[in-house]
Each structure stands twice: as C-alpha cells, then as structure tokens.
Amino acid sequence: MVRDKDLQCREIITKAVCGKGRKFSKTPHNIVLPNQPSNILGCWAINHTFEAEKVGDVIEIVGTYDINLWYSYANNTKTTVATETVSYNEKVPLSYLDSNCTKDKVEVTATATQAPHCIDAKVSSDGDTVIVEVEKEFLVEIVGETKVCVVLCQDCDDEKGFLIEEEDIDSDEIEDLNPFIIDDLD
C-alpha cells in the first residue's frame, strides 16, 4: 500500500486552453439609400474581417463587413445594389478562465462560428431607409502556460493498472480513442 508521505509529484509546465467564451448577437443597421426603395430583392453580408485581443476579463473583437443591399425603385422599374461598410466592436465574456494561467504571453484566438449574415431587411416606415438585421457568433479561447502536477508511481505493476505494456494495446482500441475528449467535457 502506498502512503501519502511516499508520494512524489512533478510539476509540468505546458500550454493549455486557460479561458473560453462564446457570444451570439443580432444587430440592426439602418441603411440610407439614394433612391426610395420599392422592394428589397436581396441582402448579403460579405468581406468579413476581424481581430481579437484580451482586454481585462473579456475578449474584444473589432471587425468590419460589407452589407450589399439589392433593391428596386421607381415603382419596380429599376434595380441597383447599395453597399455599406459596417464596423463593430463585440465584447465576448469568458465563461471559463483559469486563474493559474500565466497572465503574460497569452495567445487569443477567435473563430466566427457563424459569419455575419443578413436575416432580415425591410423598408422603414418613413420609406427612406432600410433596416437590415445581421447575426453573428464567435467562439474565443485563451491559450497560456500553466502547471500540471503529476504523481509518480514508485512500484507500479500490471495488476494495479498503473503500467501498460506496449504489446497490451490493441490497434483497434487506439483508433477508437476520442482526441477531443476534453472538449466534450465542457
């Protein structure tokens, strides 16, 4: 039997995901057109670019995208496309932040899990502007250095399950391993 005073530990410094967050948002935009629109024929958000950085306890995402609005005017006799570049600033709260992670030298990654896209476009009641609703979603992660403590086994043997010989591992078992098991625990 192993007693506590016989246990030895080692600290391993490694890079790990130390923080995570996700944010979904819907944003209305008022687009003023040079011609009074008769009908909205289509609306798209394109040319999306963004950058992310850690600011305090949130991840700030600053970006832009273009809204292309295809509409008819002059009693549906003519059509044109209006383009407007939209800037945004999203603050993504962290649902998880490991306080043991080093504060300096962290890497911030942001992924647009749902790129900006137009879900609705309608002519305002005054008839001079179009209200476009855009939705988007971001997933952010902070990767930094942290310590992992492992317990060393002094007298490990097969019967206790501490030591696995290479020939005991079946290749089918290796193929069935889920490399994303840690992500699935969230």
N, C-alpha and C. Protein backbone atom coordinates (compact mmCIF):
# COMPACT_ATOMS: atom_id res chain seq x y z
N MET A 1 0.83 -1.18 0.00
CA MET A 1 0.00 0.00 0.00
C MET A 1 0.88 1.25 0.00
N VAL A 2 0.52 2.25 -0.77
CA VAL A 2 1.29 3.47 -0.88
C VAL A 2 0.77 4.48 0.14
N ARG A 3 1.67 5.03 0.95
CA ARG A 3 1.31 6.04 1.94
C ARG A 3 1.54 7.43 1.35
N ASP A 4 0.82 8.42 1.86
CA ASP A 4 0.93 9.78 1.33
C ASP A 4 2.35 10.32 1.37
N LYS A 5 3.09 10.00 2.43
CA LYS A 5 4.45 10.54 2.53
C LYS A 5 5.38 9.91 1.49
N ASP A 6 4.95 8.77 0.91
CA ASP A 6 5.76 8.13 -0.12
C ASP A 6 5.49 8.69 -1.51
N LEU A 7 4.43 9.51 -1.66
CA LEU A 7 4.07 10.05 -2.97
C LEU A 7 5.06 11.13 -3.38
N GLN A 8 5.43 11.09 -4.64
CA GLN A 8 6.26 12.14 -5.20
C GLN A 8 5.52 12.75 -6.38
N CYS A 9 5.64 14.06 -6.50
CA CYS A 9 4.95 14.77 -7.58
C CYS A 9 5.96 15.52 -8.43
N ARG A 10 5.58 15.75 -9.64
CA ARG A 10 6.35 16.60 -10.54
C ARG A 10 5.40 17.62 -11.14
N GLU A 11 5.89 18.84 -11.27
CA GLU A 11 5.12 19.87 -11.93
C GLU A 11 5.60 19.99 -13.37
N ILE A 12 4.65 19.93 -14.28
CA ILE A 12 4.96 20.05 -15.70
C ILE A 12 4.38 21.37 -16.18
N ILE A 13 5.19 22.19 -16.80
CA ILE A 13 4.71 23.45 -17.37
C ILE A 13 4.35 23.18 -18.82
N THR A 14 3.12 23.52 -19.18
CA THR A 14 2.64 23.23 -20.53
C THR A 14 1.70 24.34 -21.00
N LYS A 15 1.46 24.39 -22.29
CA LYS A 15 0.46 25.30 -22.83
C LYS A 15 -0.88 24.59 -22.81
N ALA A 16 -1.89 25.33 -22.42
CA ALA A 16 -3.24 24.76 -22.35
C ALA A 16 -4.27 25.85 -22.59
N VAL A 17 -5.49 25.43 -22.91
CA VAL A 17 -6.60 26.38 -23.03
C VAL A 17 -6.96 26.82 -21.61
N CYS A 18 -6.77 28.09 -21.33
CA CYS A 18 -6.99 28.63 -19.99
C CYS A 18 -8.27 29.46 -19.90
N GLY A 19 -8.90 29.72 -21.01
CA GLY A 19 -10.13 30.50 -21.00
C GLY A 19 -10.94 30.26 -22.25
N LYS A 20 -12.26 30.31 -22.10
CA LYS A 20 -13.18 30.10 -23.24
C LYS A 20 -14.37 31.02 -23.10
N GLY A 21 -14.94 31.37 -24.24
CA GLY A 21 -16.16 32.16 -24.25
C GLY A 21 -16.86 32.04 -25.59
N ARG A 22 -18.14 32.38 -25.61
CA ARG A 22 -18.94 32.31 -26.83
C ARG A 22 -19.97 33.44 -26.76
N LYS A 23 -20.21 34.06 -27.92
CA LYS A 23 -21.24 35.12 -27.95
C LYS A 23 -21.96 35.10 -29.29
N PHE A 24 -23.27 35.13 -29.20
CA PHE A 24 -24.16 35.23 -30.36
C PHE A 24 -24.81 36.60 -30.30
N SER A 25 -24.89 37.29 -31.43
CA SER A 25 -25.52 38.62 -31.41
C SER A 25 -26.32 38.87 -32.69
N LYS A 26 -27.37 39.69 -32.53
CA LYS A 26 -28.16 40.21 -33.65
C LYS A 26 -28.06 41.72 -33.58
N THR A 27 -27.75 42.34 -34.72
CA THR A 27 -27.56 43.78 -34.74
C THR A 27 -28.36 44.40 -35.89
N PRO A 28 -29.19 45.41 -35.61
CA PRO A 28 -29.89 46.11 -36.70
C PRO A 28 -29.01 47.25 -37.25
N HIS A 29 -29.07 47.44 -38.55
CA HIS A 29 -28.35 48.53 -39.21
C HIS A 29 -29.35 49.32 -40.06
N ASN A 30 -29.28 50.64 -39.99
CA ASN A 30 -30.12 51.50 -40.83
C ASN A 30 -29.29 51.95 -42.01
N ILE A 31 -29.74 51.60 -43.20
CA ILE A 31 -29.03 51.97 -44.42
C ILE A 31 -29.87 52.99 -45.18
N VAL A 32 -29.26 54.16 -45.37
CA VAL A 32 -29.92 55.24 -46.11
C VAL A 32 -29.59 55.05 -47.59
N LEU A 33 -30.63 55.04 -48.42
CA LEU A 33 -30.46 54.80 -49.86
C LEU A 33 -30.66 56.09 -50.65
N PRO A 34 -29.99 56.21 -51.81
CA PRO A 34 -30.16 57.42 -52.63
C PRO A 34 -31.52 57.48 -53.32
N ASN A 35 -32.16 56.31 -53.49
CA ASN A 35 -33.48 56.25 -54.12
C ASN A 35 -34.46 55.61 -53.14
N GLN A 36 -35.72 56.03 -53.20
CA GLN A 36 -36.70 55.42 -52.31
C GLN A 36 -37.01 54.01 -52.81
N PRO A 37 -36.76 52.98 -51.96
CA PRO A 37 -36.91 51.60 -52.43
C PRO A 37 -38.38 51.19 -52.57
N SER A 38 -38.65 50.41 -53.62
CA SER A 38 -39.98 49.81 -53.80
C SER A 38 -40.02 48.44 -53.12
N ASN A 39 -38.97 47.62 -53.39
CA ASN A 39 -38.88 46.27 -52.82
C ASN A 39 -37.43 45.93 -52.51
N ILE A 40 -37.25 45.10 -51.51
CA ILE A 40 -35.92 44.56 -51.21
C ILE A 40 -35.81 43.24 -51.97
N LEU A 41 -34.80 43.12 -52.80
CA LEU A 41 -34.64 41.92 -53.62
C LEU A 41 -33.60 40.95 -53.06
N GLY A 42 -32.72 41.43 -52.22
CA GLY A 42 -31.71 40.57 -51.61
C GLY A 42 -30.78 41.37 -50.72
N CYS A 43 -30.17 40.67 -49.77
CA CYS A 43 -29.26 41.34 -48.85
C CYS A 43 -28.21 40.35 -48.38
N TRP A 44 -26.92 40.73 -48.45
CA TRP A 44 -25.82 39.85 -48.07
C TRP A 44 -24.79 40.60 -47.26
N ALA A 45 -24.16 39.91 -46.33
CA ALA A 45 -23.01 40.44 -45.60
C ALA A 45 -21.78 39.72 -46.15
N ILE A 46 -20.79 40.48 -46.62
CA ILE A 46 -19.59 39.89 -47.23
C ILE A 46 -18.34 40.62 -46.72
N ASN A 47 -17.19 40.11 -47.10
CA ASN A 47 -15.88 40.73 -46.79
C ASN A 47 -15.67 40.93 -45.30
N HIS A 48 -15.94 39.91 -44.53
CA HIS A 48 -15.81 39.98 -43.07
C HIS A 48 -14.35 39.85 -42.65
N THR A 49 -13.86 40.80 -41.87
CA THR A 49 -12.51 40.73 -41.29
C THR A 49 -12.61 41.16 -39.83
N PHE A 50 -11.75 40.56 -38.98
CA PHE A 50 -11.77 40.92 -37.56
C PHE A 50 -10.46 40.56 -36.89
N GLU A 51 -10.22 41.17 -35.73
CA GLU A 51 -9.08 40.88 -34.87
C GLU A 51 -9.59 40.79 -33.45
N ALA A 52 -8.89 40.00 -32.63
CA ALA A 52 -9.32 39.82 -31.24
C ALA A 52 -8.15 40.03 -30.30
N GLU A 53 -8.44 40.58 -29.12
CA GLU A 53 -7.43 40.74 -28.08
C GLU A 53 -8.11 40.68 -26.71
N LYS A 54 -7.33 40.30 -25.70
CA LYS A 54 -7.83 40.22 -24.33
C LYS A 54 -7.77 41.62 -23.72
N VAL A 55 -8.91 42.08 -23.20
CA VAL A 55 -9.00 43.37 -22.54
C VAL A 55 -9.69 43.10 -21.20
N GLY A 56 -8.92 43.10 -20.13
CA GLY A 56 -9.47 42.78 -18.82
C GLY A 56 -9.89 41.32 -18.79
N ASP A 57 -11.14 41.07 -18.41
CA ASP A 57 -11.66 39.71 -18.33
C ASP A 57 -12.54 39.34 -19.52
N VAL A 58 -12.47 40.10 -20.61
CA VAL A 58 -13.24 39.80 -21.81
C VAL A 58 -12.32 39.77 -23.02
N ILE A 59 -12.81 39.20 -24.09
CA ILE A 59 -12.11 39.24 -25.37
C ILE A 59 -12.85 40.26 -26.23
N GLU A 60 -12.11 41.23 -26.71
CA GLU A 60 -12.69 42.27 -27.55
C GLU A 60 -12.40 41.95 -29.01
N ILE A 61 -13.46 41.87 -29.81
CA ILE A 61 -13.34 41.59 -31.24
C ILE A 61 -13.74 42.84 -32.00
N VAL A 62 -12.82 43.34 -32.82
CA VAL A 62 -13.06 44.53 -33.63
C VAL A 62 -13.02 44.09 -35.09
N GLY A 63 -14.06 44.44 -35.84
CA GLY A 63 -14.09 43.99 -37.23
C GLY A 63 -14.98 44.84 -38.11
N THR A 64 -15.03 44.44 -39.38
CA THR A 64 -15.89 45.11 -40.36
C THR A 64 -16.48 44.07 -41.30
N TYR A 65 -17.56 44.44 -41.94
CA TYR A 65 -18.12 43.66 -43.05
C TYR A 65 -18.92 44.61 -43.92
N ASP A 66 -19.14 44.20 -45.16
CA ASP A 66 -19.93 44.99 -46.10
C ASP A 66 -21.33 44.41 -46.17
N ILE A 67 -22.31 45.31 -46.19
CA ILE A 67 -23.69 44.89 -46.44
C ILE A 67 -24.02 45.31 -47.87
N ASN A 68 -24.36 44.34 -48.69
CA ASN A 68 -24.80 44.60 -50.06
C ASN A 68 -26.31 44.45 -50.09
N LEU A 69 -26.98 45.50 -50.48
CA LEU A 69 -28.44 45.52 -50.50
C LEU A 69 -28.92 45.73 -51.93
N TRP A 70 -29.60 44.72 -52.46
CA TRP A 70 -30.15 44.78 -53.81
C TRP A 70 -31.63 45.16 -53.68
N TYR A 71 -32.01 46.25 -54.35
CA TYR A 71 -33.39 46.71 -54.20
C TYR A 71 -33.89 47.28 -55.52
N SER A 72 -35.22 47.37 -55.61
CA SER A 72 -35.85 48.00 -56.79
C SER A 72 -36.37 49.38 -56.35
N TYR A 73 -36.49 50.26 -57.31
CA TYR A 73 -37.03 51.60 -57.04
C TYR A 73 -37.74 52.10 -58.29
N ALA A 74 -38.29 53.30 -58.22
CA ALA A 74 -39.08 53.90 -59.32
C ALA A 74 -40.22 52.95 -59.73
N ASN A 75 -41.03 52.58 -58.72
CA ASN A 75 -42.17 51.68 -58.93
C ASN A 75 -41.76 50.36 -59.57
N ASN A 76 -40.67 49.79 -59.07
CA ASN A 76 -40.16 48.49 -59.53
C ASN A 76 -39.73 48.47 -60.99
N THR A 77 -39.29 49.62 -61.52
CA THR A 77 -38.83 49.66 -62.91
C THR A 77 -37.32 49.62 -63.02
N LYS A 78 -36.61 49.89 -61.92
CA LYS A 78 -35.15 49.89 -61.94
C LYS A 78 -34.64 49.17 -60.69
N THR A 79 -33.41 48.62 -60.80
CA THR A 79 -32.78 47.99 -59.64
C THR A 79 -31.35 48.47 -59.51
N THR A 80 -30.84 48.38 -58.31
CA THR A 80 -29.44 48.71 -58.05
C THR A 80 -29.01 48.00 -56.76
N VAL A 81 -27.68 48.01 -56.53
CA VAL A 81 -27.13 47.44 -55.32
C VAL A 81 -26.42 48.55 -54.55
N ALA A 82 -26.80 48.71 -53.29
CA ALA A 82 -26.14 49.67 -52.41
C ALA A 82 -25.19 48.89 -51.50
N THR A 83 -24.00 49.43 -51.27
CA THR A 83 -23.03 48.77 -50.39
C THR A 83 -22.68 49.72 -49.25
N GLU A 84 -22.69 49.18 -48.04
CA GLU A 84 -22.30 49.96 -46.87
C GLU A 84 -21.37 49.11 -46.02
N THR A 85 -20.23 49.70 -45.63
CA THR A 85 -19.29 49.01 -44.75
C THR A 85 -19.67 49.31 -43.31
N VAL A 86 -19.78 48.25 -42.51
CA VAL A 86 -20.19 48.36 -41.12
C VAL A 86 -19.02 47.96 -40.22
N SER A 87 -18.74 48.76 -39.22
CA SER A 87 -17.71 48.44 -38.22
C SER A 87 -18.42 47.98 -36.95
N TYR A 88 -17.79 47.07 -36.23
CA TYR A 88 -18.38 46.61 -34.97
C TYR A 88 -17.30 46.34 -33.94
N ASN A 89 -17.74 46.31 -32.69
CA ASN A 89 -16.87 46.01 -31.56
C ASN A 89 -17.67 45.11 -30.63
N GLU A 90 -17.30 43.82 -30.57
CA GLU A 90 -18.01 42.85 -29.71
C GLU A 90 -17.13 42.53 -28.52
N LYS A 91 -17.72 42.51 -27.34
CA LYS A 91 -17.03 42.08 -26.13
C LYS A 91 -17.57 40.71 -25.76
N VAL A 92 -16.71 39.70 -25.85
CA VAL A 92 -17.12 38.32 -25.58
C VAL A 92 -16.72 37.98 -24.14
N PRO A 93 -17.70 37.72 -23.27
CA PRO A 93 -17.36 37.35 -21.89
C PRO A 93 -16.80 35.92 -21.84
N LEU A 94 -15.90 35.69 -20.89
CA LEU A 94 -15.31 34.37 -20.74
C LEU A 94 -16.14 33.56 -19.76
N SER A 95 -16.63 32.41 -20.20
CA SER A 95 -17.40 31.54 -19.31
C SER A 95 -16.47 30.71 -18.45
N TYR A 96 -15.22 30.64 -18.85
CA TYR A 96 -14.21 29.88 -18.09
C TYR A 96 -12.90 30.64 -18.18
N LEU A 97 -12.24 30.86 -17.05
CA LEU A 97 -10.92 31.50 -17.03
C LEU A 97 -10.13 30.90 -15.87
N ASP A 98 -9.04 30.21 -16.20
CA ASP A 98 -8.18 29.58 -15.21
C ASP A 98 -7.27 30.63 -14.60
N SER A 99 -7.39 30.85 -13.31
CA SER A 99 -6.58 31.88 -12.64
C SER A 99 -5.12 31.46 -12.51
N ASN A 100 -4.82 30.18 -12.70
CA ASN A 100 -3.44 29.70 -12.59
C ASN A 100 -2.64 29.90 -13.88
N CYS A 101 -3.30 30.31 -14.93
CA CYS A 101 -2.63 30.54 -16.21
C CYS A 101 -1.80 31.81 -16.12
N THR A 102 -0.62 31.79 -16.72
CA THR A 102 0.22 32.99 -16.70
C THR A 102 -0.50 34.12 -17.43
N LYS A 103 -0.42 35.30 -16.88
CA LYS A 103 -1.15 36.45 -17.45
C LYS A 103 -0.45 37.05 -18.66
N ASP A 104 0.88 36.93 -18.70
CA ASP A 104 1.60 37.46 -19.85
C ASP A 104 1.81 36.34 -20.86
N LYS A 105 2.04 36.72 -22.06
CA LYS A 105 2.28 35.78 -23.16
C LYS A 105 1.11 34.85 -23.44
N VAL A 106 -0.10 35.33 -23.32
CA VAL A 106 -1.25 34.51 -23.69
C VAL A 106 -1.56 34.71 -25.17
N GLU A 107 -2.08 33.66 -25.78
CA GLU A 107 -2.49 33.73 -27.18
C GLU A 107 -4.02 33.73 -27.21
N VAL A 108 -4.58 34.68 -27.94
CA VAL A 108 -6.03 34.79 -28.06
C VAL A 108 -6.42 34.35 -29.46
N THR A 109 -7.38 33.43 -29.53
CA THR A 109 -7.91 33.03 -30.83
C THR A 109 -9.41 33.28 -30.83
N ALA A 110 -9.90 33.73 -31.95
CA ALA A 110 -11.33 33.95 -32.13
C ALA A 110 -11.74 33.33 -33.45
N THR A 111 -12.84 32.60 -33.42
CA THR A 111 -13.37 31.95 -34.61
C THR A 111 -14.80 32.41 -34.80
N ALA A 112 -15.12 32.83 -36.01
CA ALA A 112 -16.50 33.20 -36.32
C ALA A 112 -17.24 31.89 -36.63
N THR A 113 -17.88 31.32 -35.60
CA THR A 113 -18.61 30.07 -35.80
C THR A 113 -19.83 30.30 -36.69
N GLN A 114 -20.30 31.53 -36.73
CA GLN A 114 -21.35 31.94 -37.66
C GLN A 114 -20.96 33.31 -38.18
N ALA A 115 -20.47 33.34 -39.41
CA ALA A 115 -20.06 34.61 -40.01
C ALA A 115 -21.28 35.53 -40.13
N PRO A 116 -21.07 36.84 -40.13
CA PRO A 116 -22.21 37.75 -40.25
C PRO A 116 -23.04 37.44 -41.48
N HIS A 117 -24.35 37.33 -41.27
CA HIS A 117 -25.25 37.18 -42.41
C HIS A 117 -26.57 37.88 -42.12
N CYS A 118 -27.18 38.36 -43.18
CA CYS A 118 -28.42 39.13 -43.06
C CYS A 118 -29.59 38.17 -42.88
N ILE A 119 -30.38 38.42 -41.84
CA ILE A 119 -31.55 37.56 -41.62
C ILE A 119 -32.85 38.28 -41.94
N ASP A 120 -32.79 39.62 -42.06
CA ASP A 120 -34.00 40.37 -42.39
C ASP A 120 -33.60 41.72 -42.96
N ALA A 121 -34.36 42.19 -43.92
CA ALA A 121 -34.18 43.52 -44.49
C ALA A 121 -35.56 44.05 -44.86
N LYS A 122 -35.91 45.19 -44.27
CA LYS A 122 -37.24 45.75 -44.56
C LYS A 122 -37.15 47.27 -44.64
N VAL A 123 -38.02 47.83 -45.46
CA VAL A 123 -38.08 49.27 -45.65
C VAL A 123 -38.70 49.89 -44.39
N SER A 124 -38.09 50.96 -43.89
CA SER A 124 -38.61 51.61 -42.69
C SER A 124 -39.95 52.29 -42.99
N SER A 125 -40.64 52.69 -41.94
CA SER A 125 -41.97 53.31 -42.11
C SER A 125 -41.90 54.64 -42.87
N ASP A 126 -40.75 55.36 -42.75
CA ASP A 126 -40.63 56.63 -43.49
C ASP A 126 -40.28 56.40 -44.96
N GLY A 127 -39.84 55.18 -45.31
CA GLY A 127 -39.59 54.83 -46.70
C GLY A 127 -38.24 55.23 -47.24
N ASP A 128 -37.42 55.94 -46.44
CA ASP A 128 -36.12 56.41 -46.93
C ASP A 128 -34.96 55.51 -46.54
N THR A 129 -35.15 54.69 -45.55
CA THR A 129 -34.06 53.81 -45.09
C THR A 129 -34.53 52.36 -45.07
N VAL A 130 -33.53 51.48 -45.03
CA VAL A 130 -33.80 50.05 -44.92
C VAL A 130 -33.15 49.57 -43.63
N ILE A 131 -33.91 48.81 -42.85
CA ILE A 131 -33.40 48.24 -41.61
C ILE A 131 -32.96 46.81 -41.92
N VAL A 132 -31.67 46.59 -41.74
CA VAL A 132 -31.09 45.27 -42.02
C VAL A 132 -30.66 44.66 -40.69
N GLU A 133 -31.10 43.43 -40.42
CA GLU A 133 -30.70 42.73 -39.20
C GLU A 133 -29.66 41.68 -39.56
N VAL A 134 -28.52 41.75 -38.86
CA VAL A 134 -27.39 40.85 -39.11
C VAL A 134 -27.11 40.06 -37.84
N GLU A 135 -26.88 38.75 -38.00
CA GLU A 135 -26.50 37.94 -36.84
C GLU A 135 -25.12 37.32 -37.07
N LYS A 136 -24.41 37.10 -35.95
CA LYS A 136 -23.08 36.51 -36.00
C LYS A 136 -22.80 35.85 -34.66
N GLU A 137 -21.82 34.94 -34.66
CA GLU A 137 -21.44 34.26 -33.42
C GLU A 137 -19.94 34.02 -33.41
N PHE A 138 -19.33 34.19 -32.23
CA PHE A 138 -17.90 33.99 -32.07
C PHE A 138 -17.62 33.00 -30.94
N LEU A 139 -16.57 32.22 -31.13
CA LEU A 139 -16.01 31.37 -30.10
C LEU A 139 -14.59 31.86 -29.87
N VAL A 140 -14.23 32.12 -28.60
CA VAL A 140 -12.90 32.62 -28.28
C VAL A 140 -12.21 31.68 -27.31
N GLU A 141 -10.89 31.62 -27.40
CA GLU A 141 -10.08 30.82 -26.48
C GLU A 141 -8.82 31.57 -26.13
N ILE A 142 -8.38 31.38 -24.89
CA ILE A 142 -7.11 31.91 -24.43
C ILE A 142 -6.20 30.72 -24.17
N VAL A 143 -5.03 30.73 -24.79
CA VAL A 143 -4.04 29.68 -24.56
C VAL A 143 -2.86 30.32 -23.85
N GLY A 144 -2.45 29.69 -22.75
CA GLY A 144 -1.32 30.22 -21.98
C GLY A 144 -0.60 29.10 -21.26
N GLU A 145 0.46 29.47 -20.58
CA GLU A 145 1.22 28.47 -19.84
C GLU A 145 0.58 28.24 -18.48
N THR A 146 0.55 26.98 -18.07
CA THR A 146 0.02 26.60 -16.77
C THR A 146 0.81 25.40 -16.26
N LYS A 147 0.62 25.07 -15.00
CA LYS A 147 1.32 23.93 -14.40
C LYS A 147 0.34 22.78 -14.21
N VAL A 148 0.84 21.58 -14.48
CA VAL A 148 0.10 20.36 -14.23
C VAL A 148 0.93 19.54 -13.26
N CYS A 149 0.31 19.07 -12.20
CA CYS A 149 1.02 18.26 -11.21
C CYS A 149 0.68 16.80 -11.45
N VAL A 150 1.72 15.95 -11.59
CA VAL A 150 1.51 14.52 -11.79
C VAL A 150 2.14 13.77 -10.63
N VAL A 151 1.49 12.69 -10.23
CA VAL A 151 2.00 11.85 -9.15
C VAL A 151 2.84 10.74 -9.76
N LEU A 152 4.02 10.54 -9.20
CA LEU A 152 4.90 9.49 -9.68
C LEU A 152 4.57 8.20 -8.95
N CYS A 153 4.60 7.11 -9.65
CA CYS A 153 4.33 5.81 -9.07
C CYS A 153 5.66 5.12 -8.83
N GLN A 154 5.92 4.73 -7.60
CA GLN A 154 7.20 4.11 -7.25
C GLN A 154 7.26 2.64 -7.66
N ASP A 155 6.26 1.86 -7.26
CA ASP A 155 6.27 0.42 -7.52
C ASP A 155 5.05 0.04 -8.34
N CYS A 156 5.02 0.48 -9.58
CA CYS A 156 3.87 0.21 -10.44
C CYS A 156 4.00 -1.19 -11.03
N ASP A 157 2.85 -1.85 -11.17
CA ASP A 157 2.83 -3.14 -11.85
C ASP A 157 1.54 -3.26 -12.64
N ASP A 158 1.50 -4.28 -13.53
CA ASP A 158 0.35 -4.50 -14.39
C ASP A 158 -0.93 -4.74 -13.59
N GLU A 159 -0.85 -5.46 -12.50
CA GLU A 159 -2.04 -5.85 -11.76
C GLU A 159 -2.77 -4.65 -11.18
N LYS A 160 -2.06 -3.61 -10.85
CA LYS A 160 -2.70 -2.42 -10.29
C LYS A 160 -3.18 -1.47 -11.39
N GLY A 161 -2.83 -1.77 -12.63
CA GLY A 161 -3.30 -0.95 -13.74
C GLY A 161 -2.49 0.30 -13.98
N PHE A 162 -1.32 0.42 -13.31
CA PHE A 162 -0.51 1.61 -13.49
C PHE A 162 0.40 1.52 -14.70
N LEU A 163 0.80 0.34 -15.06
CA LEU A 163 1.78 0.17 -16.12
C LEU A 163 1.14 -0.60 -17.26
N ILE A 164 1.23 -0.07 -18.45
CA ILE A 164 0.67 -0.74 -19.62
C ILE A 164 1.83 -1.05 -20.56
N GLU A 165 1.96 -2.30 -20.88
CA GLU A 165 3.00 -2.70 -21.82
C GLU A 165 2.51 -2.40 -23.23
N GLU A 166 3.41 -2.08 -24.12
CA GLU A 166 3.06 -1.71 -25.49
C GLU A 166 2.30 -2.82 -26.19
N GLU A 167 2.68 -4.08 -25.94
CA GLU A 167 2.00 -5.18 -26.64
C GLU A 167 0.58 -5.41 -26.12
N ASP A 168 0.22 -4.80 -24.96
CA ASP A 168 -1.13 -4.94 -24.42
C ASP A 168 -2.14 -4.02 -25.12
N ILE A 169 -1.67 -3.07 -25.93
CA ILE A 169 -2.55 -2.11 -26.59
C ILE A 169 -2.92 -2.63 -27.97
N ASP A 170 -4.21 -2.78 -28.21
CA ASP A 170 -4.73 -3.26 -29.48
C ASP A 170 -4.87 -2.05 -30.42
N SER A 171 -4.48 -2.19 -31.67
CA SER A 171 -4.55 -1.07 -32.62
C SER A 171 -5.98 -0.60 -32.84
N ASP A 172 -6.97 -1.51 -32.70
CA ASP A 172 -8.37 -1.09 -32.83
C ASP A 172 -8.77 -0.16 -31.68
N GLU A 173 -8.21 -0.39 -30.49
CA GLU A 173 -8.51 0.46 -29.35
C GLU A 173 -7.96 1.87 -29.57
N ILE A 174 -6.80 1.98 -30.18
CA ILE A 174 -6.20 3.29 -30.45
C ILE A 174 -7.06 4.06 -31.43
N GLU A 175 -7.57 3.39 -32.46
CA GLU A 175 -8.41 4.06 -33.45
C GLU A 175 -9.71 4.56 -32.84
N ASP A 176 -10.20 3.90 -31.77
CA ASP A 176 -11.46 4.29 -31.14
C ASP A 176 -11.30 5.43 -30.14
N LEU A 177 -10.07 5.85 -29.86
CA LEU A 177 -9.85 6.93 -28.91
C LEU A 177 -10.39 8.23 -29.46
N ASN A 178 -11.01 9.03 -28.59
CA ASN A 178 -11.55 10.32 -28.97
C ASN A 178 -10.53 11.39 -28.58
N PRO A 179 -9.82 12.01 -29.55
CA PRO A 179 -8.82 13.02 -29.21
C PRO A 179 -9.44 14.30 -28.66
N PHE A 180 -10.75 14.46 -28.78
CA PHE A 180 -11.41 15.68 -28.32
C PHE A 180 -12.16 15.46 -27.01
N ILE A 181 -11.77 14.43 -26.27
CA ILE A 181 -12.49 14.09 -25.04
C ILE A 181 -12.55 15.24 -24.07
N ILE A 182 -11.52 16.05 -23.98
CA ILE A 182 -11.50 17.18 -23.03
C ILE A 182 -12.49 18.23 -23.48
N ASP A 183 -12.57 18.52 -24.78
CA ASP A 183 -13.53 19.49 -25.27
C ASP A 183 -14.96 19.02 -25.02
N ASP A 184 -15.20 17.70 -25.07
CA ASP A 184 -16.54 17.17 -24.86
C ASP A 184 -17.01 17.30 -23.42
N LEU A 185 -16.10 17.54 -22.49
CA LEU A 185 -16.46 17.65 -21.08
C LEU A 185 -17.06 19.00 -20.73
N ASP A 186 -16.90 20.00 -21.58
CA ASP A 186 -17.41 21.36 -21.29
C ASP A 186 -18.91 21.40 -21.28
